[in-house]
Amino acid sequence: PNVWLHPSFGKLLFCVADLCVGALLHAILCARGVPAHVADRCVAAWLFNPVAIAISTRGSHDALIAVPVLGALMIHCRVCP
């Protein structure tokens, strides 16, 4: 897709996946009863972590793996509170 669509397609994909991980983390933490300000800080620790930023913009697929894992965890938390 980098050749056909845009040279930065992969970087954009991984950055969007990082944002999805942040949203899923926030949803899971709030569903488990964590106060919103604590959940916000945990999500900020993920999103503003310089290591995670460098890894996702260099093309690592860690966030793409974390999205379905956290999605399954969120479904499990809703089914089995």
PDB file of N, CA and C in Angstrom:
ATOM      1  N   PRO A   1       0.805  -1.217   0.000  1.00  0.00           N
ATOM      2  CA  PRO A   1       0.000   0.000   0.000  1.00  0.00           C
ATOM      3  C   PRO A   1       0.844   1.275   0.000  1.00  0.00           C
ATOM      4  N   ASN A   2       2.077   1.198   0.491  1.00  0.00           N
ATOM      5  CA  ASN A   2       2.917   2.390   0.491  1.00  0.00           C
ATOM      6  C   ASN A   2       3.220   2.858  -0.917  1.00  0.00           C
ATOM      7  N   VAL A   3       3.280   1.934  -1.860  1.00  0.00           N
ATOM      8  CA  VAL A   3       3.583   2.290  -3.239  1.00  0.00           C
ATOM      9  C   VAL A   3       2.335   2.786  -3.960  1.00  0.00           C
ATOM     10  N   TRP A   4       1.197   2.141  -3.718  1.00  0.00           N
ATOM     11  CA  TRP A   4      -0.021   2.469  -4.448  1.00  0.00           C
ATOM     12  C   TRP A   4      -0.756   3.669  -3.873  1.00  0.00           C
ATOM     13  N   LEU A   5      -0.868   3.758  -2.557  1.00  0.00           N
ATOM     14  CA  LEU A   5      -1.669   4.817  -1.944  1.00  0.00           C
ATOM     15  C   LEU A   5      -0.850   6.055  -1.619  1.00  0.00           C
ATOM     16  N   HIS A   6       0.080   5.878  -0.692  1.00  0.00           N
ATOM     17  CA  HIS A   6       0.893   7.018  -0.245  1.00  0.00           C
ATOM     18  C   HIS A   6       2.127   6.464   0.454  1.00  0.00           C
ATOM     19  N   PRO A   7       3.250   7.125   0.348  1.00  0.00           N
ATOM     20  CA  PRO A   7       4.468   6.618   1.002  1.00  0.00           C
ATOM     21  C   PRO A   7       4.367   6.525   2.526  1.00  0.00           C
ATOM     22  N   SER A   8       3.503   7.317   3.126  1.00  0.00           N
ATOM     23  CA  SER A   8       3.365   7.313   4.588  1.00  0.00           C
ATOM     24  C   SER A   8       2.184   6.482   5.073  1.00  0.00           C
ATOM     25  N   PHE A   9       1.634   5.630   4.221  1.00  0.00           N
ATOM     26  CA  PHE A   9       0.456   4.857   4.600  1.00  0.00           C
ATOM     27  C   PHE A   9       0.723   3.983   5.821  1.00  0.00           C
ATOM     28  N   GLY A  10       1.850   3.299   5.855  1.00  0.00           N
ATOM     29  CA  GLY A  10       2.171   2.418   6.978  1.00  0.00           C
ATOM     30  C   GLY A  10       2.308   3.179   8.281  1.00  0.00           C
ATOM     31  N   LYS A  11       2.967   4.319   8.239  1.00  0.00           N
ATOM     32  CA  LYS A  11       3.123   5.125   9.447  1.00  0.00           C
ATOM     33  C   LYS A  11       1.776   5.603   9.954  1.00  0.00           C
ATOM     34  N   LEU A  12       0.909   6.004   9.040  1.00  0.00           N
ATOM     35  CA  LEU A  12      -0.422   6.445   9.433  1.00  0.00           C
ATOM     36  C   LEU A  12      -1.223   5.293  10.024  1.00  0.00           C
ATOM     37  N   LEU A  13      -1.113   4.130   9.437  1.00  0.00           N
ATOM     38  CA  LEU A  13      -1.815   2.956   9.945  1.00  0.00           C
ATOM     39  C   LEU A  13      -1.388   2.624  11.369  1.00  0.00           C
ATOM     40  N   PHE A  14      -0.088   2.642  11.629  1.00  0.00           N
ATOM     41  CA  PHE A  14       0.407   2.316  12.960  1.00  0.00           C
ATOM     42  C   PHE A  14       0.050   3.404  13.973  1.00  0.00           C
ATOM     43  N   CYS A  15       0.035   4.654  13.560  1.00  0.00           N
ATOM     44  CA  CYS A  15      -0.361   5.734  14.469  1.00  0.00           C
ATOM     45  C   CYS A  15      -1.840   5.651  14.808  1.00  0.00           C
ATOM     46  N   VAL A  16      -2.670   5.309  13.833  1.00  0.00           N
ATOM     47  CA  VAL A  16      -4.098   5.131  14.099  1.00  0.00           C
ATOM     48  C   VAL A  16      -4.309   3.942  15.042  1.00  0.00           C
ATOM     49  N   ALA A  17      -3.547   2.893  14.861  1.00  0.00           N
ATOM     50  CA  ALA A  17      -3.636   1.749  15.764  1.00  0.00           C
ATOM     51  C   ALA A  17      -3.247   2.145  17.184  1.00  0.00           C
ATOM     52  N   ASP A  18      -2.236   2.997  17.336  1.00  0.00           N
ATOM     53  CA  ASP A  18      -1.863   3.489  18.666  1.00  0.00           C
ATOM     54  C   ASP A  18      -3.004   4.282  19.296  1.00  0.00           C
ATOM     55  N   LEU A  19      -3.680   5.095  18.515  1.00  0.00           N
ATOM     56  CA  LEU A  19      -4.821   5.846  19.038  1.00  0.00           C
ATOM     57  C   LEU A  19      -5.962   4.905  19.441  1.00  0.00           C
ATOM     58  N   CYS A  20      -6.165   3.851  18.668  1.00  0.00           N
ATOM     59  CA  CYS A  20      -7.187   2.863  19.024  1.00  0.00           C
ATOM     60  C   CYS A  20      -6.823   2.150  20.323  1.00  0.00           C
ATOM     61  N   VAL A  21      -5.551   1.858  20.511  1.00  0.00           N
ATOM     62  CA  VAL A  21      -5.112   1.243  21.766  1.00  0.00           C
ATOM     63  C   VAL A  21      -5.402   2.170  22.935  1.00  0.00           C
ATOM     64  N   GLY A  22      -5.145   3.455  22.754  1.00  0.00           N
ATOM     65  CA  GLY A  22      -5.446   4.411  23.816  1.00  0.00           C
ATOM     66  C   GLY A  22      -6.924   4.463  24.138  1.00  0.00           C
ATOM     67  N   ALA A  23      -7.772   4.451  23.113  1.00  0.00           N
ATOM     68  CA  ALA A  23      -9.218   4.474  23.338  1.00  0.00           C
ATOM     69  C   ALA A  23      -9.691   3.200  24.026  1.00  0.00           C
ATOM     70  N   LEU A  24      -9.153   2.066  23.611  1.00  0.00           N
ATOM     71  CA  LEU A  24      -9.526   0.806  24.250  1.00  0.00           C
ATOM     72  C   LEU A  24      -9.053   0.750  25.694  1.00  0.00           C
ATOM     73  N   LEU A  25      -7.839   1.225  25.951  1.00  0.00           N
ATOM     74  CA  LEU A  25      -7.347   1.274  27.338  1.00  0.00           C
ATOM     75  C   LEU A  25      -8.261   2.117  28.208  1.00  0.00           C
ATOM     76  N   HIS A  26      -8.663   3.257  27.705  1.00  0.00           N
ATOM     77  CA  HIS A  26      -9.535   4.141  28.477  1.00  0.00           C
ATOM     78  C   HIS A  26     -10.884   3.467  28.738  1.00  0.00           C
ATOM     79  N   ALA A  27     -11.434   2.819  27.737  1.00  0.00           N
ATOM     80  CA  ALA A  27     -12.724   2.145  27.899  1.00  0.00           C
ATOM     81  C   ALA A  27     -12.635   1.000  28.901  1.00  0.00           C
ATOM     82  N   ILE A  28     -11.567   0.229  28.834  1.00  0.00           N
ATOM     83  CA  ILE A  28     -11.405  -0.892  29.766  1.00  0.00           C
ATOM     84  C   ILE A  28     -11.231  -0.389  31.190  1.00  0.00           C
ATOM     85  N   LEU A  29     -10.391   0.616  31.363  1.00  0.00           N
ATOM     86  CA  LEU A  29     -10.153   1.131  32.718  1.00  0.00           C
ATOM     87  C   LEU A  29     -11.420   1.738  33.310  1.00  0.00           C
ATOM     88  N   CYS A  30     -12.161   2.487  32.514  1.00  0.00           N
ATOM     89  CA  CYS A  30     -13.402   3.081  33.021  1.00  0.00           C
ATOM     90  C   CYS A  30     -14.448   2.008  33.318  1.00  0.00           C
ATOM     91  N   ALA A  31     -14.485   0.952  32.508  1.00  0.00           N
ATOM     92  CA  ALA A  31     -15.427  -0.143  32.745  1.00  0.00           C
ATOM     93  C   ALA A  31     -15.089  -0.906  34.019  1.00  0.00           C
ATOM     94  N   ARG A  32     -13.824  -0.917  34.388  1.00  0.00           N
ATOM     95  CA  ARG A  32     -13.402  -1.609  35.610  1.00  0.00           C
ATOM     96  C   ARG A  32     -13.508  -0.737  36.855  1.00  0.00           C
ATOM     97  N   GLY A  33     -14.003   0.494  36.693  1.00  0.00           N
ATOM     98  CA  GLY A  33     -14.222   1.355  37.848  1.00  0.00           C
ATOM     99  C   GLY A  33     -13.059   2.253  38.218  1.00  0.00           C
ATOM    100  N   VAL A  34     -12.089   2.370  37.356  1.00  0.00           N
ATOM    101  CA  VAL A  34     -10.962   3.259  37.612  1.00  0.00           C
ATOM    102  C   VAL A  34     -11.440   4.699  37.405  1.00  0.00           C
ATOM    103  N   PRO A  35     -11.114   5.608  38.311  1.00  0.00           N
ATOM    104  CA  PRO A  35     -11.531   7.006  38.126  1.00  0.00           C
ATOM    105  C   PRO A  35     -11.028   7.572  36.788  1.00  0.00           C
ATOM    106  N   ALA A  36     -11.811   8.477  36.227  1.00  0.00           N
ATOM    107  CA  ALA A  36     -11.518   8.994  34.882  1.00  0.00           C
ATOM    108  C   ALA A  36     -10.160   9.691  34.825  1.00  0.00           C
ATOM    109  N   HIS A  37      -9.787  10.430  35.883  1.00  0.00           N
ATOM    110  CA  HIS A  37      -8.510  11.132  35.820  1.00  0.00           C
ATOM    111  C   HIS A  37      -7.327  10.157  35.857  1.00  0.00           C
ATOM    112  N   VAL A  38      -7.489   9.026  36.513  1.00  0.00           N
ATOM    113  CA  VAL A  38      -6.435   8.017  36.527  1.00  0.00           C
ATOM    114  C   VAL A  38      -6.368   7.324  35.163  1.00  0.00           C
ATOM    115  N   ALA A  39      -7.532   7.030  34.585  1.00  0.00           N
ATOM    116  CA  ALA A  39      -7.570   6.415  33.257  1.00  0.00           C
ATOM    117  C   ALA A  39      -6.946   7.347  32.226  1.00  0.00           C
ATOM    118  N   ASP A  40      -7.222   8.643  32.347  1.00  0.00           N
ATOM    119  CA  ASP A  40      -6.621   9.619  31.425  1.00  0.00           C
ATOM    120  C   ASP A  40      -5.101   9.611  31.525  1.00  0.00           C
ATOM    121  N   ARG A  41      -4.601   9.518  32.728  1.00  0.00           N
ATOM    122  CA  ARG A  41      -3.135   9.503  32.906  1.00  0.00           C
ATOM    123  C   ARG A  41      -2.513   8.225  32.362  1.00  0.00           C
ATOM    124  N   CYS A  42      -3.208   7.115  32.529  1.00  0.00           N
ATOM    125  CA  CYS A  42      -2.693   5.852  31.975  1.00  0.00           C
ATOM    126  C   CYS A  42      -2.660   5.896  30.457  1.00  0.00           C
ATOM    127  N   VAL A  43      -3.705   6.436  29.858  1.00  0.00           N
ATOM    128  CA  VAL A  43      -3.742   6.558  28.399  1.00  0.00           C
ATOM    129  C   VAL A  43      -2.665   7.536  27.922  1.00  0.00           C
ATOM    130  N   ALA A  44      -2.476   8.624  28.655  1.00  0.00           N
ATOM    131  CA  ALA A  44      -1.428   9.583  28.292  1.00  0.00           C
ATOM    132  C   ALA A  44      -0.053   8.933  28.387  1.00  0.00           C
ATOM    133  N   ALA A  45       0.136   8.055  29.374  1.00  0.00           N
ATOM    134  CA  ALA A  45       1.415   7.352  29.496  1.00  0.00           C
ATOM    135  C   ALA A  45       1.662   6.456  28.279  1.00  0.00           C
ATOM    136  N   TRP A  46       0.591   5.890  27.726  1.00  0.00           N
ATOM    137  CA  TRP A  46       0.754   5.082  26.515  1.00  0.00           C
ATOM    138  C   TRP A  46       0.986   5.960  25.284  1.00  0.00           C
ATOM    139  N   LEU A  47       0.141   6.974  25.114  1.00  0.00           N
ATOM    140  CA  LEU A  47       0.183   7.764  23.890  1.00  0.00           C
ATOM    141  C   LEU A  47       1.407   8.673  23.792  1.00  0.00           C
ATOM    142  N   PHE A  48       1.887   9.179  24.924  1.00  0.00           N
ATOM    143  CA  PHE A  48       3.012  10.113  24.896  1.00  0.00           C
ATOM    144  C   PHE A  48       4.334   9.459  25.281  1.00  0.00           C
ATOM    145  N   ASN A  49       4.353   8.140  25.307  1.00  0.00           N
ATOM    146  CA  ASN A  49       5.580   7.412  25.591  1.00  0.00           C
ATOM    147  C   ASN A  49       6.504   7.532  24.372  1.00  0.00           C
ATOM    148  N   PRO A  50       7.686   8.115  24.533  1.00  0.00           N
ATOM    149  CA  PRO A  50       8.559   8.305  23.369  1.00  0.00           C
ATOM    150  C   PRO A  50       8.993   6.995  22.719  1.00  0.00           C
ATOM    151  N   VAL A  51       9.084   5.930  23.500  1.00  0.00           N
ATOM    152  CA  VAL A  51       9.471   4.643  22.919  1.00  0.00           C
ATOM    153  C   VAL A  51       8.352   4.130  22.007  1.00  0.00           C
ATOM    154  N   ALA A  52       7.109   4.201  22.480  1.00  0.00           N
ATOM    155  CA  ALA A  52       5.980   3.744  21.660  1.00  0.00           C
ATOM    156  C   ALA A  52       5.835   4.592  20.406  1.00  0.00           C
ATOM    157  N   ILE A  53       6.070   5.884  20.529  1.00  0.00           N
ATOM    158  CA  ILE A  53       5.982   6.770  19.361  1.00  0.00           C
ATOM    159  C   ILE A  53       7.054   6.395  18.338  1.00  0.00           C
ATOM    160  N   ALA A  54       8.271   6.199  18.793  1.00  0.00           N
ATOM    161  CA  ALA A  54       9.362   5.862  17.878  1.00  0.00           C
ATOM    162  C   ALA A  54       9.131   4.505  17.223  1.00  0.00           C
ATOM    163  N   ILE A  55       8.623   3.559  17.998  1.00  0.00           N
ATOM    164  CA  ILE A  55       8.402   2.219  17.446  1.00  0.00           C
ATOM    165  C   ILE A  55       7.295   2.245  16.400  1.00  0.00           C
ATOM    166  N   SER A  56       6.184   2.938  16.694  1.00  0.00           N
ATOM    167  CA  SER A  56       5.071   2.909  15.746  1.00  0.00           C
ATOM    168  C   SER A  56       5.381   3.696  14.475  1.00  0.00           C
ATOM    169  N   THR A  57       6.154   4.759  14.569  1.00  0.00           N
ATOM    170  CA  THR A  57       6.460   5.514  13.358  1.00  0.00           C
ATOM    171  C   THR A  57       7.572   4.871  12.533  1.00  0.00           C
ATOM    172  N   ARG A  58       8.271   3.900  13.096  1.00  0.00           N
ATOM    173  CA  ARG A  58       9.311   3.213  12.325  1.00  0.00           C
ATOM    174  C   ARG A  58       8.787   1.949  11.674  1.00  0.00           C
ATOM    175  N   GLY A  59       7.519   1.593  11.965  1.00  0.00           N
ATOM    176  CA  GLY A  59       6.918   0.484  11.253  1.00  0.00           C
ATOM    177  C   GLY A  59       6.743  -0.796  12.038  1.00  0.00           C
ATOM    178  N   SER A  60       6.822  -0.734  13.353  1.00  0.00           N
ATOM    179  CA  SER A  60       6.574  -1.947  14.129  1.00  0.00           C
ATOM    180  C   SER A  60       5.072  -2.178  14.251  1.00  0.00           C
ATOM    181  N   HIS A  61       4.684  -3.415  14.287  1.00  0.00           N
ATOM    182  CA  HIS A  61       3.275  -3.748  14.306  1.00  0.00           C
ATOM    183  C   HIS A  61       2.750  -4.066  15.704  1.00  0.00           C
ATOM    184  N   ASP A  62       3.407  -3.614  16.756  1.00  0.00           N
ATOM    185  CA  ASP A  62       2.976  -3.907  18.115  1.00  0.00           C
ATOM    186  C   ASP A  62       1.567  -3.396  18.396  1.00  0.00           C
ATOM    187  N   ALA A  63       1.247  -2.206  17.939  1.00  0.00           N
ATOM    188  CA  ALA A  63      -0.076  -1.652  18.192  1.00  0.00           C
ATOM    189  C   ALA A  63      -1.147  -2.410  17.421  1.00  0.00           C
ATOM    190  N   LEU A  64      -0.800  -2.917  16.233  1.00  0.00           N
ATOM    191  CA  LEU A  64      -1.777  -3.697  15.470  1.00  0.00           C
ATOM    192  C   LEU A  64      -2.124  -5.002  16.176  1.00  0.00           C
ATOM    193  N   ILE A  65      -1.196  -5.540  16.929  1.00  0.00           N
ATOM    194  CA  ILE A  65      -1.462  -6.746  17.702  1.00  0.00           C
ATOM    195  C   ILE A  65      -2.216  -6.384  18.983  1.00  0.00           C
ATOM    196  N   ALA A  66      -1.907  -5.245  19.564  1.00  0.00           N
ATOM    197  CA  ALA A  66      -2.544  -4.844  20.819  1.00  0.00           C
ATOM    198  C   ALA A  66      -4.021  -4.509  20.638  1.00  0.00           C
ATOM    199  N   VAL A  67      -4.419  -4.014  19.468  1.00  0.00           N
ATOM    200  CA  VAL A  67      -5.822  -3.635  19.252  1.00  0.00           C
ATOM    201  C   VAL A  67      -6.753  -4.840  19.390  1.00  0.00           C
ATOM    202  N   PRO A  68      -6.544  -5.957  18.687  1.00  0.00           N
ATOM    203  CA  PRO A  68      -7.470  -7.080  18.882  1.00  0.00           C
ATOM    204  C   PRO A  68      -7.384  -7.711  20.268  1.00  0.00           C
ATOM    205  N   VAL A  69      -6.178  -7.695  20.866  1.00  0.00           N
ATOM    206  CA  VAL A  69      -6.046  -8.250  22.217  1.00  0.00           C
ATOM    207  C   VAL A  69      -6.847  -7.416  23.213  1.00  0.00           C
ATOM    208  N   LEU A  70      -6.699  -6.096  23.147  1.00  0.00           N
ATOM    209  CA  LEU A  70      -7.462  -5.237  24.053  1.00  0.00           C
ATOM    210  C   LEU A  70      -8.952  -5.261  23.730  1.00  0.00           C
ATOM    211  N   GLY A  71      -9.298  -5.411  22.449  1.00  0.00           N
ATOM    212  CA  GLY A  71     -10.706  -5.551  22.085  1.00  0.00           C
ATOM    213  C   GLY A  71     -11.315  -6.804  22.693  1.00  0.00           C
ATOM    214  N   ALA A  72     -10.600  -7.909  22.643  1.00  0.00           N
ATOM    215  CA  ALA A  72     -11.081  -9.146  23.263  1.00  0.00           C
ATOM    216  C   ALA A  72     -11.170  -9.002  24.779  1.00  0.00           C
ATOM    217  N   LEU A  73     -10.205  -8.308  25.365  1.00  0.00           N
ATOM    218  CA  LEU A  73     -10.242  -8.078  26.811  1.00  0.00           C
ATOM    219  C   LEU A  73     -11.432  -7.205  27.197  1.00  0.00           C
ATOM    220  N   MET A  74     -11.734  -6.212  26.373  1.00  0.00           N
ATOM    221  CA  MET A  74     -12.878  -5.352  26.655  1.00  0.00           C
ATOM    222  C   MET A  74     -14.183  -6.143  26.558  1.00  0.00           C
ATOM    223  N   ILE A  75     -14.299  -7.004  25.558  1.00  0.00           N
ATOM    224  CA  ILE A  75     -15.493  -7.850  25.436  1.00  0.00           C
ATOM    225  C   ILE A  75     -15.606  -8.775  26.632  1.00  0.00           C
ATOM    226  N   HIS A  76     -14.492  -9.348  27.056  1.00  0.00           N
ATOM    227  CA  HIS A  76     -14.506 -10.233  28.221  1.00  0.00           C
ATOM    228  C   HIS A  76     -14.921  -9.475  29.474  1.00  0.00           C
ATOM    229  N   CYS A  77     -14.427  -8.258  29.633  1.00  0.00           N
ATOM    230  CA  CYS A  77     -14.780  -7.465  30.817  1.00  0.00           C
ATOM    231  C   CYS A  77     -16.269  -7.105  30.827  1.00  0.00           C
ATOM    232  N   ARG A  78     -16.857  -6.931  29.672  1.00  0.00           N
ATOM    233  CA  ARG A  78     -18.285  -6.619  29.617  1.00  0.00           C
ATOM    234  C   ARG A  78     -19.146  -7.846  29.835  1.00  0.00           C
ATOM    235  N   VAL A  79     -18.680  -9.015  29.391  1.00  0.00           N
ATOM    236  CA  VAL A  79     -19.452 -10.247  29.550  1.00  0.00           C
ATOM    237  C   VAL A  79     -19.324 -10.765  30.983  1.00  0.00           C
ATOM    238  N   CYS A  80     -18.135 -10.710  31.534  1.00  0.00           N
ATOM    239  CA  CYS A  80     -17.872 -11.212  32.884  1.00  0.00           C
ATOM    240  C   CYS A  80     -17.407 -10.081  33.783  1.00  0.00           C
ATOM    241  N   PRO A  81     -18.337  -9.270  34.281  1.00  0.00           N
ATOM    242  CA  PRO A  81     -17.900  -8.144  35.142  1.00  0.00           C
ATOM    243  C   PRO A  81     -17.449  -8.662  36.429  1.00  0.00           C
TER     244      PRO A  81
END
